[in-house]
Amino acid sequence: MRLAPAAVLLACLAGCGAPQQPLEVYGTVPEFTLSAHTGAPFVSSQELAGKIWVVDFIFTNCQGPCPRMTSQMGKVQAATESLPDVRFVSITVDPDRDTPEALAAYAKRHHAGPKWSFLTGPQATLHKLKREVFLLGNVDGQLNHSTRFVLVDQNGQIRAFYDTSEPDSISRVIADIKRLAKPNT
């Protein structure tokens, strides 16, 4: 019977050194231009090239999941603060009300750091991004939106989706960001 605990320990140690499966690739994000909460144009190829980033879709008047999602994004921001090439992007689904000024107030209220951009733009552009690029549904004036975070790597490739209502989703986002931040992953 004494061999059983030793066997379990050896199996655990052997598994600890096993390489993790690479993250899937779900598509590539094309260049896009929107307006940032700062009022400046946000050109993705300039702001996000070579960066790991997490994107979500929210609106500032949301009484449902948006405050929770924004708080969760804040936790990811805090946990990855020491990684210089990580960015955060929150895109509105309510471009009629979420002006750059409204987004700036929301960003301030939620303690967004300088690596976190809140974006707005024409409804057609937002719809295309949400539906065709990030595969998260429509921007059609109904204010329905996914509660998922999307992880994008340094090459603009979508690598993972996280349902923010799942208890371990935020720890998985953080772990996957750190995996991507390591060389040769």
N, C-alpha and C. Protein backbone atom coordinates (compact mmCIF):
# COMPACT_ATOMS: atom_id res chain seq x y z
N MET A 1 0.80 -1.20 0.00
CA MET A 1 0.00 0.00 0.00
C MET A 1 0.84 1.27 0.00
N ARG A 2 2.07 1.18 0.44
CA ARG A 2 2.92 2.36 0.49
C ARG A 2 3.31 2.84 -0.90
N LEU A 3 3.27 1.98 -1.87
CA LEU A 3 3.61 2.37 -3.23
C LEU A 3 2.53 3.24 -3.86
N ALA A 4 1.31 3.09 -3.45
CA ALA A 4 0.21 3.86 -4.06
C ALA A 4 0.40 5.37 -3.89
N PRO A 5 0.68 5.89 -2.71
CA PRO A 5 0.90 7.34 -2.60
C PRO A 5 2.09 7.82 -3.42
N ALA A 6 3.15 7.01 -3.46
CA ALA A 6 4.32 7.39 -4.25
C ALA A 6 3.99 7.40 -5.73
N ALA A 7 3.19 6.45 -6.18
CA ALA A 7 2.78 6.40 -7.59
C ALA A 7 1.94 7.62 -7.94
N VAL A 8 1.06 7.99 -7.04
CA VAL A 8 0.22 9.16 -7.27
C VAL A 8 1.09 10.41 -7.36
N LEU A 9 2.05 10.54 -6.47
CA LEU A 9 2.95 11.69 -6.48
C LEU A 9 3.76 11.74 -7.78
N LEU A 10 4.29 10.60 -8.22
CA LEU A 10 5.05 10.56 -9.47
C LEU A 10 4.17 10.92 -10.66
N ALA A 11 2.96 10.43 -10.68
CA ALA A 11 2.04 10.75 -11.79
C ALA A 11 1.73 12.24 -11.81
N CYS A 12 1.56 12.81 -10.64
CA CYS A 12 1.28 14.26 -10.56
C CYS A 12 2.47 15.06 -11.04
N LEU A 13 3.65 14.69 -10.60
CA LEU A 13 4.84 15.43 -11.01
C LEU A 13 5.09 15.29 -12.51
N ALA A 14 4.84 14.12 -13.05
CA ALA A 14 5.01 13.91 -14.49
C ALA A 14 4.02 14.77 -15.25
N GLY A 15 2.78 14.88 -14.76
CA GLY A 15 1.76 15.68 -15.42
C GLY A 15 2.06 17.17 -15.34
N CYS A 16 2.71 17.58 -14.27
CA CYS A 16 3.00 19.01 -14.11
C CYS A 16 3.95 19.51 -15.18
N GLY A 17 4.81 18.65 -15.68
CA GLY A 17 5.77 19.07 -16.69
C GLY A 17 5.24 18.90 -18.11
N ALA A 18 4.07 18.31 -18.26
CA ALA A 18 3.52 18.07 -19.60
C ALA A 18 3.12 19.40 -20.24
N PRO A 19 3.42 19.55 -21.52
CA PRO A 19 3.05 20.79 -22.18
C PRO A 19 1.54 20.93 -22.30
N GLN A 20 1.05 22.15 -22.18
CA GLN A 20 -0.37 22.42 -22.34
C GLN A 20 -0.71 22.43 -23.82
N GLN A 21 -1.92 22.06 -24.13
CA GLN A 21 -2.38 22.14 -25.51
C GLN A 21 -2.45 23.62 -25.90
N PRO A 22 -2.07 23.94 -27.12
CA PRO A 22 -2.15 25.34 -27.54
C PRO A 22 -3.61 25.78 -27.61
N LEU A 23 -3.81 27.06 -27.44
CA LEU A 23 -5.15 27.61 -27.57
C LEU A 23 -5.58 27.52 -29.03
N GLU A 24 -6.86 27.30 -29.25
CA GLU A 24 -7.41 27.24 -30.60
C GLU A 24 -7.28 28.60 -31.28
N VAL A 25 -7.41 28.61 -32.60
CA VAL A 25 -7.50 29.85 -33.37
C VAL A 25 -8.88 29.86 -34.02
N TYR A 26 -9.68 30.87 -33.68
CA TYR A 26 -11.06 30.94 -34.16
C TYR A 26 -11.26 31.94 -35.30
N GLY A 27 -10.22 32.65 -35.65
CA GLY A 27 -10.32 33.63 -36.72
C GLY A 27 -9.35 34.76 -36.47
N THR A 28 -9.27 35.66 -37.43
CA THR A 28 -8.38 36.81 -37.33
C THR A 28 -9.21 38.09 -37.34
N VAL A 29 -8.85 39.01 -36.47
CA VAL A 29 -9.57 40.29 -36.38
C VAL A 29 -9.00 41.23 -37.44
N PRO A 30 -9.86 41.72 -38.35
CA PRO A 30 -9.37 42.68 -39.34
C PRO A 30 -9.17 44.05 -38.69
N GLU A 31 -8.45 44.90 -39.38
CA GLU A 31 -8.28 46.27 -38.88
C GLU A 31 -9.64 46.94 -38.79
N PHE A 32 -9.81 47.74 -37.74
CA PHE A 32 -11.04 48.52 -37.59
C PHE A 32 -10.69 49.87 -36.99
N THR A 33 -11.55 50.84 -37.24
CA THR A 33 -11.39 52.18 -36.67
C THR A 33 -12.68 52.57 -35.98
N LEU A 34 -12.57 52.95 -34.73
CA LEU A 34 -13.71 53.43 -33.94
C LEU A 34 -13.27 54.70 -33.22
N SER A 35 -14.13 55.20 -32.35
CA SER A 35 -13.79 56.37 -31.53
C SER A 35 -13.59 55.92 -30.09
N ALA A 36 -12.49 56.36 -29.50
CA ALA A 36 -12.17 56.00 -28.12
C ALA A 36 -12.86 56.94 -27.14
N HIS A 37 -12.90 56.51 -25.90
CA HIS A 37 -13.49 57.32 -24.84
C HIS A 37 -12.72 58.63 -24.62
N THR A 38 -11.54 58.70 -25.15
CA THR A 38 -10.74 59.93 -25.06
C THR A 38 -11.16 60.95 -26.11
N GLY A 39 -11.97 60.51 -27.06
CA GLY A 39 -12.38 61.36 -28.17
C GLY A 39 -11.49 61.19 -29.40
N ALA A 40 -10.38 60.49 -29.25
CA ALA A 40 -9.46 60.28 -30.36
C ALA A 40 -9.90 59.08 -31.20
N PRO A 41 -9.51 59.07 -32.47
CA PRO A 41 -9.75 57.86 -33.27
C PRO A 41 -8.96 56.69 -32.70
N PHE A 42 -9.55 55.51 -32.75
CA PHE A 42 -8.90 54.29 -32.29
C PHE A 42 -8.74 53.40 -33.51
N VAL A 43 -7.50 53.31 -34.00
CA VAL A 43 -7.19 52.48 -35.16
C VAL A 43 -6.53 51.22 -34.62
N SER A 44 -7.22 50.11 -34.79
CA SER A 44 -6.77 48.87 -34.15
C SER A 44 -5.35 48.48 -34.54
N SER A 45 -4.98 48.69 -35.80
CA SER A 45 -3.63 48.30 -36.23
C SER A 45 -2.55 49.12 -35.55
N GLN A 46 -2.89 50.30 -35.09
CA GLN A 46 -1.91 51.13 -34.38
C GLN A 46 -1.94 50.86 -32.87
N GLU A 47 -3.13 50.66 -32.34
CA GLU A 47 -3.29 50.52 -30.89
C GLU A 47 -3.06 49.10 -30.37
N LEU A 48 -3.33 48.10 -31.21
CA LEU A 48 -3.35 46.72 -30.72
C LEU A 48 -2.33 45.79 -31.38
N ALA A 49 -1.62 46.27 -32.38
CA ALA A 49 -0.65 45.42 -33.08
C ALA A 49 0.41 44.92 -32.10
N GLY A 50 0.65 43.63 -32.10
CA GLY A 50 1.65 43.05 -31.22
C GLY A 50 1.22 42.92 -29.77
N LYS A 51 -0.04 43.21 -29.49
CA LYS A 51 -0.54 43.16 -28.12
C LYS A 51 -1.48 41.97 -27.95
N ILE A 52 -1.57 41.48 -26.74
CA ILE A 52 -2.60 40.54 -26.33
C ILE A 52 -3.75 41.41 -25.82
N TRP A 53 -4.96 41.10 -26.23
CA TRP A 53 -6.07 41.92 -25.74
C TRP A 53 -7.33 41.12 -25.49
N VAL A 54 -8.13 41.66 -24.58
CA VAL A 54 -9.41 41.06 -24.22
C VAL A 54 -10.48 42.07 -24.60
N VAL A 55 -11.51 41.60 -25.27
CA VAL A 55 -12.59 42.48 -25.71
C VAL A 55 -13.92 41.98 -25.15
N ASP A 56 -14.79 42.94 -24.82
CA ASP A 56 -16.17 42.63 -24.48
C ASP A 56 -17.07 43.70 -25.06
N PHE A 57 -18.37 43.43 -25.02
CA PHE A 57 -19.38 44.36 -25.52
C PHE A 57 -20.32 44.71 -24.37
N ILE A 58 -20.46 46.01 -24.13
CA ILE A 58 -21.23 46.51 -22.98
C ILE A 58 -22.00 47.75 -23.41
N PHE A 59 -22.81 48.30 -22.51
CA PHE A 59 -23.32 49.67 -22.68
C PHE A 59 -23.44 50.31 -21.31
N THR A 60 -23.24 51.61 -21.28
CA THR A 60 -23.07 52.31 -20.01
C THR A 60 -24.34 52.43 -19.18
N ASN A 61 -25.51 52.32 -19.78
CA ASN A 61 -26.76 52.40 -19.02
C ASN A 61 -27.29 51.03 -18.62
N CYS A 62 -26.54 50.02 -18.84
CA CYS A 62 -26.95 48.64 -18.57
C CYS A 62 -27.19 48.44 -17.07
N GLN A 63 -28.34 47.87 -16.77
CA GLN A 63 -28.66 47.52 -15.38
C GLN A 63 -28.50 46.01 -15.15
N GLY A 64 -28.08 45.31 -16.19
CA GLY A 64 -27.92 43.85 -16.12
C GLY A 64 -26.49 43.46 -15.89
N PRO A 65 -25.90 42.70 -16.82
CA PRO A 65 -24.57 42.11 -16.60
C PRO A 65 -23.39 43.06 -16.82
N CYS A 66 -23.59 44.20 -17.45
CA CYS A 66 -22.44 45.06 -17.80
C CYS A 66 -21.60 45.50 -16.60
N PRO A 67 -22.22 45.96 -15.51
CA PRO A 67 -21.36 46.33 -14.37
C PRO A 67 -20.53 45.16 -13.85
N ARG A 68 -21.12 43.96 -13.82
CA ARG A 68 -20.36 42.78 -13.40
C ARG A 68 -19.22 42.50 -14.36
N MET A 69 -19.51 42.55 -15.66
CA MET A 69 -18.48 42.28 -16.66
C MET A 69 -17.35 43.31 -16.57
N THR A 70 -17.71 44.57 -16.37
CA THR A 70 -16.69 45.62 -16.27
C THR A 70 -15.85 45.42 -15.02
N SER A 71 -16.48 45.02 -13.93
CA SER A 71 -15.74 44.71 -12.71
C SER A 71 -14.79 43.53 -12.94
N GLN A 72 -15.27 42.53 -13.66
CA GLN A 72 -14.41 41.37 -13.96
C GLN A 72 -13.25 41.77 -14.86
N MET A 73 -13.51 42.62 -15.84
CA MET A 73 -12.42 43.08 -16.70
C MET A 73 -11.41 43.85 -15.85
N GLY A 74 -11.89 44.60 -14.88
CA GLY A 74 -11.00 45.31 -13.96
C GLY A 74 -10.10 44.36 -13.18
N LYS A 75 -10.65 43.20 -12.81
CA LYS A 75 -9.84 42.19 -12.10
C LYS A 75 -8.76 41.62 -13.02
N VAL A 76 -9.11 41.41 -14.28
CA VAL A 76 -8.12 40.92 -15.24
C VAL A 76 -7.05 41.99 -15.45
N GLN A 77 -7.48 43.25 -15.55
CA GLN A 77 -6.55 44.36 -15.70
C GLN A 77 -5.55 44.38 -14.54
N ALA A 78 -6.06 44.26 -13.31
CA ALA A 78 -5.19 44.30 -12.13
C ALA A 78 -4.23 43.11 -12.09
N ALA A 79 -4.73 41.93 -12.47
CA ALA A 79 -3.90 40.72 -12.40
C ALA A 79 -2.81 40.68 -13.46
N THR A 80 -2.97 41.45 -14.52
CA THR A 80 -1.98 41.43 -15.62
C THR A 80 -1.25 42.77 -15.75
N GLU A 81 -1.35 43.58 -14.74
CA GLU A 81 -0.77 44.93 -14.76
C GLU A 81 0.72 44.93 -15.10
N SER A 82 1.43 43.90 -14.67
CA SER A 82 2.88 43.88 -14.89
C SER A 82 3.25 43.44 -16.31
N LEU A 83 2.29 43.00 -17.09
CA LEU A 83 2.56 42.57 -18.47
C LEU A 83 2.39 43.77 -19.39
N PRO A 84 3.46 44.25 -20.00
CA PRO A 84 3.38 45.51 -20.76
C PRO A 84 2.56 45.44 -22.04
N ASP A 85 2.42 44.27 -22.63
CA ASP A 85 1.76 44.17 -23.93
C ASP A 85 0.36 43.57 -23.86
N VAL A 86 -0.38 43.92 -22.81
CA VAL A 86 -1.76 43.47 -22.66
C VAL A 86 -2.67 44.70 -22.68
N ARG A 87 -3.76 44.60 -23.42
CA ARG A 87 -4.73 45.69 -23.53
C ARG A 87 -6.13 45.16 -23.31
N PHE A 88 -7.04 46.08 -23.05
CA PHE A 88 -8.44 45.75 -22.79
C PHE A 88 -9.30 46.66 -23.64
N VAL A 89 -10.35 46.10 -24.24
CA VAL A 89 -11.21 46.85 -25.14
C VAL A 89 -12.66 46.53 -24.79
N SER A 90 -13.42 47.56 -24.46
CA SER A 90 -14.86 47.42 -24.24
C SER A 90 -15.56 48.24 -25.31
N ILE A 91 -16.41 47.56 -26.08
CA ILE A 91 -17.09 48.19 -27.21
C ILE A 91 -18.57 48.30 -26.88
N THR A 92 -19.15 49.47 -27.10
CA THR A 92 -20.55 49.66 -26.78
C THR A 92 -21.47 48.99 -27.79
N VAL A 93 -22.64 48.60 -27.31
CA VAL A 93 -23.71 48.14 -28.19
C VAL A 93 -24.81 49.20 -28.28
N ASP A 94 -24.55 50.37 -27.68
CA ASP A 94 -25.52 51.48 -27.65
C ASP A 94 -24.85 52.76 -28.14
N PRO A 95 -24.49 52.81 -29.42
CA PRO A 95 -23.73 53.97 -29.91
C PRO A 95 -24.52 55.27 -29.89
N ASP A 96 -25.84 55.21 -29.84
CA ASP A 96 -26.63 56.45 -29.80
C ASP A 96 -26.44 57.19 -28.48
N ARG A 97 -26.32 56.46 -27.38
CA ARG A 97 -26.14 57.10 -26.08
C ARG A 97 -24.70 57.09 -25.59
N ASP A 98 -23.94 56.10 -25.98
CA ASP A 98 -22.57 55.97 -25.48
C ASP A 98 -21.60 56.76 -26.34
N THR A 99 -21.62 58.06 -26.12
CA THR A 99 -20.68 58.98 -26.76
C THR A 99 -19.31 58.80 -26.12
N PRO A 100 -18.27 59.33 -26.71
CA PRO A 100 -16.96 59.27 -26.04
C PRO A 100 -17.02 59.85 -24.61
N GLU A 101 -17.78 60.91 -24.43
CA GLU A 101 -17.89 61.51 -23.09
C GLU A 101 -18.56 60.54 -22.10
N ALA A 102 -19.63 59.88 -22.54
CA ALA A 102 -20.32 58.92 -21.66
C ALA A 102 -19.39 57.74 -21.34
N LEU A 103 -18.66 57.29 -22.35
CA LEU A 103 -17.73 56.19 -22.13
C LEU A 103 -16.59 56.60 -21.20
N ALA A 104 -16.12 57.85 -21.32
CA ALA A 104 -15.05 58.34 -20.44
C ALA A 104 -15.52 58.37 -18.99
N ALA A 105 -16.75 58.81 -18.76
CA ALA A 105 -17.29 58.83 -17.40
C ALA A 105 -17.41 57.41 -16.86
N TYR A 106 -17.86 56.49 -17.69
CA TYR A 106 -18.00 55.09 -17.29
C TYR A 106 -16.62 54.50 -16.98
N ALA A 107 -15.63 54.77 -17.82
CA ALA A 107 -14.27 54.28 -17.60
C ALA A 107 -13.72 54.80 -16.27
N LYS A 108 -13.95 56.06 -16.00
CA LYS A 108 -13.47 56.66 -14.75
C LYS A 108 -14.17 56.03 -13.54
N ARG A 109 -15.47 55.86 -13.65
CA ARG A 109 -16.26 55.27 -12.57
C ARG A 109 -15.79 53.84 -12.26
N HIS A 110 -15.29 53.15 -13.27
CA HIS A 110 -14.85 51.76 -13.08
C HIS A 110 -13.33 51.61 -12.99
N HIS A 111 -12.63 52.72 -12.79
CA HIS A 111 -11.18 52.71 -12.54
C HIS A 111 -10.38 52.04 -13.66
N ALA A 112 -10.78 52.32 -14.89
CA ALA A 112 -10.05 51.77 -16.04
C ALA A 112 -8.69 52.43 -16.14
N GLY A 113 -7.68 51.62 -16.34
CA GLY A 113 -6.33 52.14 -16.49
C GLY A 113 -6.06 52.57 -17.92
N PRO A 114 -4.85 53.06 -18.18
CA PRO A 114 -4.51 53.57 -19.51
C PRO A 114 -4.45 52.50 -20.60
N LYS A 115 -4.41 51.23 -20.21
CA LYS A 115 -4.38 50.15 -21.21
C LYS A 115 -5.78 49.69 -21.62
N TRP A 116 -6.81 50.35 -21.10
CA TRP A 116 -8.19 49.92 -21.32
C TRP A 116 -8.91 50.99 -22.13
N SER A 117 -9.40 50.62 -23.28
CA SER A 117 -10.10 51.55 -24.17
C SER A 117 -11.58 51.19 -24.26
N PHE A 118 -12.42 52.22 -24.20
CA PHE A 118 -13.86 52.08 -24.37
C PHE A 118 -14.19 52.72 -25.71
N LEU A 119 -14.85 51.94 -26.58
CA LEU A 119 -15.00 52.36 -27.97
C LEU A 119 -16.45 52.48 -28.41
N THR A 120 -16.68 53.40 -29.32
CA THR A 120 -17.98 53.58 -29.95
C THR A 120 -17.75 53.87 -31.43
N GLY A 121 -18.83 53.88 -32.18
CA GLY A 121 -18.72 54.15 -33.61
C GLY A 121 -20.07 53.95 -34.27
N PRO A 122 -20.08 53.95 -35.59
CA PRO A 122 -21.33 53.74 -36.31
C PRO A 122 -21.91 52.35 -36.00
N GLN A 123 -23.22 52.29 -35.88
CA GLN A 123 -23.89 51.03 -35.56
C GLN A 123 -23.51 49.93 -36.55
N ALA A 124 -23.41 50.24 -37.82
CA ALA A 124 -23.08 49.21 -38.82
C ALA A 124 -21.69 48.61 -38.57
N THR A 125 -20.74 49.44 -38.18
CA THR A 125 -19.39 48.95 -37.89
C THR A 125 -19.39 48.10 -36.63
N LEU A 126 -20.11 48.56 -35.60
CA LEU A 126 -20.18 47.79 -34.36
C LEU A 126 -20.86 46.44 -34.60
N HIS A 127 -21.91 46.45 -35.40
CA HIS A 127 -22.63 45.22 -35.72
C HIS A 127 -21.70 44.23 -36.44
N LYS A 128 -20.97 44.73 -37.42
CA LYS A 128 -20.06 43.85 -38.17
C LYS A 128 -19.02 43.24 -37.24
N LEU A 129 -18.43 44.06 -36.37
CA LEU A 129 -17.43 43.54 -35.43
C LEU A 129 -18.04 42.49 -34.51
N LYS A 130 -19.18 42.81 -33.92
CA LYS A 130 -19.77 41.92 -32.93
C LYS A 130 -20.25 40.62 -33.58
N ARG A 131 -20.92 40.72 -34.70
CA ARG A 131 -21.53 39.54 -35.33
C ARG A 131 -20.54 38.75 -36.20
N GLU A 132 -19.83 39.43 -37.09
CA GLU A 132 -19.02 38.73 -38.08
C GLU A 132 -17.59 38.45 -37.62
N VAL A 133 -17.05 39.31 -36.79
CA VAL A 133 -15.66 39.13 -36.36
C VAL A 133 -15.58 38.36 -35.04
N PHE A 134 -16.28 38.85 -34.01
CA PHE A 134 -16.20 38.24 -32.69
C PHE A 134 -17.27 37.18 -32.44
N LEU A 135 -18.21 37.03 -33.38
CA LEU A 135 -19.21 35.96 -33.34
C LEU A 135 -20.07 36.01 -32.08
N LEU A 136 -20.46 37.22 -31.67
CA LEU A 136 -21.18 37.39 -30.41
C LEU A 136 -22.60 37.96 -30.56
N GLY A 137 -23.15 38.04 -31.76
CA GLY A 137 -24.51 38.51 -31.92
C GLY A 137 -24.59 39.85 -32.62
N ASN A 138 -25.73 40.48 -32.51
CA ASN A 138 -26.05 41.70 -33.26
C ASN A 138 -25.89 42.97 -32.44
N VAL A 139 -25.65 44.06 -33.14
CA VAL A 139 -25.81 45.41 -32.59
C VAL A 139 -26.92 46.01 -33.44
N ASP A 140 -28.14 45.92 -32.93
CA ASP A 140 -29.31 46.30 -33.73
C ASP A 140 -30.28 47.21 -33.00
N GLY A 141 -29.83 47.84 -31.94
CA GLY A 141 -30.69 48.74 -31.19
C GLY A 141 -31.46 48.05 -30.08
N GLN A 142 -31.41 46.74 -30.00
CA GLN A 142 -32.13 45.99 -28.96
C GLN A 142 -31.36 45.93 -27.64
N LEU A 143 -30.10 46.27 -27.66
CA LEU A 143 -29.21 46.28 -26.49
C LEU A 143 -29.02 44.89 -25.88
N ASN A 144 -29.24 43.87 -26.67
CA ASN A 144 -28.91 42.51 -26.23
C ASN A 144 -27.44 42.28 -26.56
N HIS A 145 -26.74 41.64 -25.66
CA HIS A 145 -25.33 41.37 -25.95
C HIS A 145 -24.85 40.16 -25.18
N SER A 146 -23.79 39.60 -25.67
CA SER A 146 -23.16 38.46 -25.05
C SER A 146 -22.47 38.89 -23.76
N THR A 147 -22.33 37.95 -22.85
CA THR A 147 -21.57 38.22 -21.62
C THR A 147 -20.19 37.54 -21.69
N ARG A 148 -19.73 37.31 -22.90
CA ARG A 148 -18.44 36.67 -23.08
C ARG A 148 -17.32 37.68 -23.24
N PHE A 149 -16.15 37.28 -22.77
CA PHE A 149 -14.91 37.96 -23.09
C PHE A 149 -14.27 37.18 -24.23
N VAL A 150 -13.54 37.89 -25.09
CA VAL A 150 -12.83 37.27 -26.19
C VAL A 150 -11.35 37.62 -26.04
N LEU A 151 -10.51 36.60 -26.12
CA LEU A 151 -9.05 36.79 -26.02
C LEU A 151 -8.46 36.80 -27.42
N VAL A 152 -7.67 37.83 -27.70
CA VAL A 152 -7.01 37.99 -29.00
C VAL A 152 -5.51 38.03 -28.76
N ASP A 153 -4.76 37.31 -29.58
CA ASP A 153 -3.31 37.24 -29.38
C ASP A 153 -2.56 38.37 -30.10
N GLN A 154 -1.25 38.32 -30.01
CA GLN A 154 -0.38 39.36 -30.56
C GLN A 154 -0.48 39.47 -32.09
N ASN A 155 -0.98 38.44 -32.74
CA ASN A 155 -1.13 38.44 -34.20
C ASN A 155 -2.54 38.76 -34.65
N GLY A 156 -3.38 39.18 -33.72
CA GLY A 156 -4.75 39.52 -34.06
C GLY A 156 -5.65 38.31 -34.24
N GLN A 157 -5.24 37.17 -33.72
CA GLN A 157 -6.04 35.96 -33.84
C GLN A 157 -6.89 35.75 -32.60
N ILE A 158 -8.16 35.43 -32.81
CA ILE A 158 -9.06 35.11 -31.70
C ILE A 158 -8.66 33.74 -31.17
N ARG A 159 -8.34 33.69 -29.87
CA ARG A 159 -7.82 32.46 -29.29
C ARG A 159 -8.76 31.79 -28.30
N ALA A 160 -9.69 32.54 -27.70
CA ALA A 160 -10.58 31.91 -26.72
C ALA A 160 -11.78 32.81 -26.44
N PHE A 161 -12.85 32.15 -25.99
CA PHE A 161 -14.07 32.82 -25.54
C PHE A 161 -14.31 32.38 -24.10
N TYR A 162 -14.78 33.29 -23.26
CA TYR A 162 -15.01 33.00 -21.84
C TYR A 162 -16.40 33.50 -21.46
N ASP A 163 -17.22 32.62 -20.95
CA ASP A 163 -18.53 33.00 -20.45
C ASP A 163 -18.32 33.58 -19.05
N THR A 164 -18.52 34.88 -18.91
CA THR A 164 -18.19 35.54 -17.65
C THR A 164 -19.12 35.16 -16.50
N SER A 165 -20.18 34.40 -16.79
CA SER A 165 -21.06 33.96 -15.71
C SER A 165 -20.54 32.66 -15.08
N GLU A 166 -19.53 32.03 -15.69
CA GLU A 166 -18.95 30.83 -15.11
C GLU A 166 -17.96 31.21 -14.00
N PRO A 167 -17.99 30.50 -12.88
CA PRO A 167 -17.16 30.88 -11.73
C PRO A 167 -15.67 30.97 -11.99
N ASP A 168 -15.13 30.11 -12.87
CA ASP A 168 -13.68 30.10 -13.08
C ASP A 168 -13.25 30.89 -14.32
N SER A 169 -14.17 31.60 -14.95
CA SER A 169 -13.85 32.25 -16.22
C SER A 169 -12.74 33.29 -16.10
N ILE A 170 -12.76 34.08 -15.06
CA ILE A 170 -11.77 35.16 -14.93
C ILE A 170 -10.38 34.58 -14.65
N SER A 171 -10.30 33.55 -13.83
CA SER A 171 -8.99 32.94 -13.59
C SER A 171 -8.47 32.28 -14.87
N ARG A 172 -9.35 31.75 -15.71
CA ARG A 172 -8.92 31.16 -16.98
C ARG A 172 -8.44 32.23 -17.95
N VAL A 173 -9.12 33.38 -18.00
CA VAL A 173 -8.67 34.49 -18.86
C VAL A 173 -7.26 34.90 -18.46
N ILE A 174 -7.07 35.10 -17.18
CA ILE A 174 -5.76 35.54 -16.67
C ILE A 174 -4.68 34.51 -17.00
N ALA A 175 -4.97 33.25 -16.76
CA ALA A 175 -3.99 32.19 -17.05
C ALA A 175 -3.66 32.15 -18.54
N ASP A 176 -4.67 32.29 -19.39
CA ASP A 176 -4.42 32.23 -20.83
C ASP A 176 -3.66 33.46 -21.33
N ILE A 177 -3.92 34.62 -20.75
CA ILE A 177 -3.13 35.81 -21.10
C ILE A 177 -1.66 35.55 -20.77
N LYS A 178 -1.41 35.02 -19.59
CA LYS A 178 -0.02 34.75 -19.17
C LYS A 178 0.63 33.70 -20.08
N ARG A 179 -0.16 32.71 -20.51
CA ARG A 179 0.38 31.72 -21.47
C ARG A 179 0.80 32.39 -22.75
N LEU A 180 -0.06 33.24 -23.29
CA LEU A 180 0.25 33.92 -24.55
C LEU A 180 1.43 34.89 -24.40
N ALA A 181 1.59 35.43 -23.20
CA ALA A 181 2.67 36.41 -22.98
C ALA A 181 4.05 35.76 -22.92
N LYS A 182 4.07 34.44 -22.70
CA LYS A 182 5.35 33.74 -22.65
C LYS A 182 5.87 33.56 -24.08
N PRO A 183 7.15 33.70 -24.28
CA PRO A 183 7.70 33.45 -25.62
C PRO A 183 7.41 32.03 -26.09
N ASN A 184 7.24 31.87 -27.39
CA ASN A 184 7.05 30.56 -28.02
C ASN A 184 5.76 29.87 -27.62
N THR A 185 4.68 30.64 -27.39
CA THR A 185 3.38 29.99 -27.11
C THR A 185 2.38 30.41 -28.14
